[in-house]
Amino acid sequence: MKFLAGFLLVFFVSFAWADEIEVSAKELIGDEKRKMTQLKGNVEVKRANDLLKANEAWIYLDSNNRPNKMQAKGNVRFWLTLQDGRKIEGEANEALYFPANQEYQILGNAMVKEIAKNNIVRGDKIIIRYKEGFINVIGNDAKPARLIFRLEKEQQ
């Protein structure tokens, strides 16, 4: 339990831009040898107006006990407010986050939607590198990558 409390402190402090992060699940398991924390059952991660829900999640630590990979699996759903105020929501079978390069990978039946404009991106794998302003949407033979967006009407 001491490890879990220490880990949560390091984890939350490392996200200094967040006022508060709340993690809840039916079960929290800390494994100091494997440098991993597992959250099982009805997982919810809340930060300000952002929310992620999944069946399970794992947080992996590096040798300095800092998060180097976060993974959510099973019925992954999320709702985020971007820095410019736009709201997005999405879903997938799995989501990964790599804090070092701020890379998100949304995997398996992945869908991201900008709510106000009804813009939708779908693919088997969506990779977002926030720092670089990079997005890559990958489809498969059965389901190609898709982008659906609403055109703004020109003012005359």
Protein backbone atom coordinates (compact mmCIF):
# COMPACT_ATOMS: atom_id res chain seq x y z
CA MET A 1 0.00 0.00 0.00
CA LYS A 2 2.92 2.33 0.72
CA PHE A 3 4.12 1.81 -2.88
CA LEU A 4 0.68 2.60 -4.28
CA ALA A 5 0.38 5.79 -2.23
CA GLY A 6 3.92 6.82 -3.25
CA PHE A 7 3.24 6.03 -6.88
CA LEU A 8 0.02 8.02 -6.94
CA LEU A 9 1.83 11.00 -5.42
CA VAL A 10 4.64 10.85 -8.02
CA PHE A 11 2.11 10.29 -10.80
CA PHE A 12 -0.05 13.24 -9.87
CA VAL A 13 2.83 15.61 -9.16
CA SER A 14 4.33 14.79 -12.57
CA PHE A 15 1.22 16.26 -14.18
CA ALA A 16 1.76 19.68 -12.64
CA TRP A 17 -0.59 21.30 -15.16
CA ALA A 18 -3.49 19.41 -13.60
CA ASP A 19 -5.15 20.80 -10.50
CA GLU A 20 -6.34 17.36 -9.48
CA ILE A 21 -6.62 13.90 -10.98
CA GLU A 22 -9.06 11.41 -9.50
CA VAL A 23 -8.65 7.70 -10.25
CA SER A 24 -11.26 5.16 -9.21
CA ALA A 25 -11.75 1.45 -9.85
CA LYS A 26 -13.14 -1.61 -8.11
CA GLU A 27 -9.58 -2.75 -7.45
CA LEU A 28 -6.12 -1.08 -7.42
CA ILE A 29 -3.05 -3.35 -7.52
CA GLY A 30 0.48 -2.00 -7.05
CA ASP A 31 3.45 -4.18 -8.11
CA GLU A 32 6.75 -2.59 -7.05
CA LYS A 33 8.94 -5.28 -8.71
CA ARG A 34 7.28 -4.83 -12.09
CA LYS A 35 6.90 -1.05 -11.54
CA MET A 36 3.27 -1.19 -12.50
CA THR A 37 -0.09 -0.23 -11.07
CA GLN A 38 -3.21 -1.99 -12.35
CA LEU A 39 -6.75 -0.65 -12.03
CA LYS A 40 -9.52 -3.21 -12.50
CA GLY A 41 -13.26 -2.84 -12.94
CA ASN A 42 -15.20 0.33 -13.76
CA VAL A 43 -12.03 2.40 -14.16
CA GLU A 44 -12.52 6.17 -14.23
CA VAL A 45 -9.81 8.79 -14.55
CA LYS A 46 -11.01 12.39 -14.09
CA ARG A 47 -9.01 15.61 -14.57
CA ALA A 48 -10.83 18.96 -14.61
CA ASN A 49 -13.50 18.47 -17.33
CA ASP A 50 -11.77 15.42 -18.86
CA LEU A 51 -12.91 11.85 -18.24
CA LEU A 52 -11.66 8.43 -19.34
CA LYS A 53 -13.57 5.21 -18.64
CA ALA A 54 -12.41 1.63 -19.27
CA ASN A 55 -12.71 -1.90 -17.94
CA GLU A 56 -9.02 -2.00 -16.93
CA ALA A 57 -5.98 0.27 -16.92
CA TRP A 58 -2.25 -0.06 -16.26
CA ILE A 59 0.32 2.58 -15.38
CA TYR A 60 3.95 1.60 -16.00
CA LEU A 61 6.87 3.37 -14.32
CA ASP A 62 10.47 3.91 -15.41
CA SER A 63 13.54 3.40 -13.20
CA ASN A 64 12.89 6.82 -11.56
CA ASN A 65 9.30 5.82 -10.70
CA ARG A 66 7.84 8.21 -13.25
CA PRO A 67 5.04 7.08 -15.59
CA ASN A 68 6.41 6.09 -19.00
CA LYS A 69 3.34 4.32 -20.38
CA MET A 70 -0.35 4.28 -19.54
CA GLN A 71 -2.76 1.77 -21.02
CA ALA A 72 -6.55 1.44 -20.86
CA LYS A 73 -8.35 -1.62 -22.22
CA GLY A 74 -11.88 -2.79 -22.74
CA ASN A 75 -14.74 -0.48 -23.66
CA VAL A 76 -12.50 2.61 -23.59
CA ARG A 77 -14.43 5.88 -23.78
CA PHE A 78 -13.17 9.43 -23.24
CA TRP A 79 -14.38 13.02 -23.16
CA LEU A 80 -11.80 15.84 -23.40
CA THR A 81 -11.74 19.62 -23.57
CA LEU A 82 -8.86 20.90 -25.71
CA GLN A 83 -6.80 24.00 -24.84
CA ASP A 84 -8.78 26.06 -27.36
CA GLY A 85 -12.08 25.02 -25.70
CA ARG A 86 -13.17 22.47 -28.31
CA LYS A 87 -14.74 19.33 -26.88
CA ILE A 88 -13.96 15.89 -28.25
CA GLU A 89 -15.12 12.42 -27.37
CA GLY A 90 -13.95 9.04 -28.49
CA GLU A 91 -14.00 5.32 -28.04
CA ALA A 92 -11.83 2.32 -28.80
CA ASN A 93 -10.93 -1.15 -27.63
CA GLU A 94 -7.65 0.14 -26.19
CA ALA A 95 -5.80 3.42 -25.59
CA LEU A 96 -2.11 4.03 -24.87
CA TYR A 97 -0.35 7.19 -23.69
CA PHE A 98 3.41 7.78 -23.71
CA PRO A 99 4.16 10.88 -21.57
CA ALA A 100 7.76 11.36 -22.82
CA ASN A 101 6.65 12.42 -26.29
CA GLN A 102 2.97 13.08 -25.52
CA GLU A 103 1.88 10.36 -27.94
CA TYR A 104 -1.59 8.86 -27.79
CA GLN A 105 -2.50 5.63 -29.58
CA ILE A 106 -6.18 4.79 -29.88
CA LEU A 107 -6.54 1.17 -31.01
CA GLY A 108 -9.25 -1.15 -32.32
CA ASN A 109 -12.49 0.30 -33.67
CA ALA A 110 -11.10 3.74 -32.86
CA MET A 111 -13.32 6.80 -33.22
CA VAL A 112 -12.65 10.44 -32.28
CA LYS A 113 -15.36 13.07 -32.71
CA GLU A 114 -15.30 16.86 -32.37
CA ILE A 115 -18.71 17.36 -30.81
CA ALA A 116 -19.67 20.90 -31.93
CA LYS A 117 -18.82 20.40 -35.59
CA ASN A 118 -19.64 16.69 -35.79
CA ASN A 119 -16.21 16.02 -37.37
CA ILE A 120 -15.37 12.31 -37.00
CA VAL A 121 -12.18 10.31 -37.54
CA ARG A 122 -12.41 6.49 -37.62
CA GLY A 123 -9.75 3.86 -38.04
CA ASP A 124 -8.23 0.70 -36.66
CA LYS A 125 -5.44 2.79 -35.13
CA ILE A 126 -5.25 6.54 -34.50
CA ILE A 127 -1.87 7.97 -33.45
CA ILE A 128 -1.74 11.52 -32.10
CA ARG A 129 1.50 13.31 -31.18
CA TYR A 130 0.25 16.39 -29.38
CA LYS A 131 3.57 18.32 -29.30
CA GLU A 132 4.13 17.88 -33.04
CA GLY A 133 0.54 18.50 -34.14
CA PHE A 134 0.66 15.09 -35.83
CA ILE A 135 -2.16 12.62 -36.45
CA ASN A 136 -2.04 9.34 -38.37
CA VAL A 137 -5.21 7.33 -38.98
CA ILE A 138 -4.64 3.73 -40.05
CA GLY A 139 -7.37 1.49 -41.40
CA ASN A 140 -7.30 -2.17 -42.38
CA ASP A 141 -8.49 -4.22 -45.36
CA ALA A 142 -12.00 -4.62 -43.95
CA LYS A 143 -12.37 -1.01 -42.73
CA PRO A 144 -10.36 1.78 -44.36
CA ALA A 145 -9.51 4.95 -42.41
CA ARG A 146 -12.36 7.48 -42.61
CA LEU A 147 -12.69 11.19 -42.03
CA ILE A 148 -16.12 12.80 -41.96
CA PHE A 149 -16.29 16.56 -41.61
CA ARG A 150 -18.88 19.28 -42.05
CA LEU A 151 -18.02 22.09 -44.48
CA GLU A 152 -18.62 25.62 -43.30
CA LYS A 153 -20.92 27.62 -45.60
CA GLU A 154 -19.24 30.59 -47.25
CA GLN A 155 -20.54 34.02 -46.24
CA GLN A 156 -21.66 36.05 -49.26
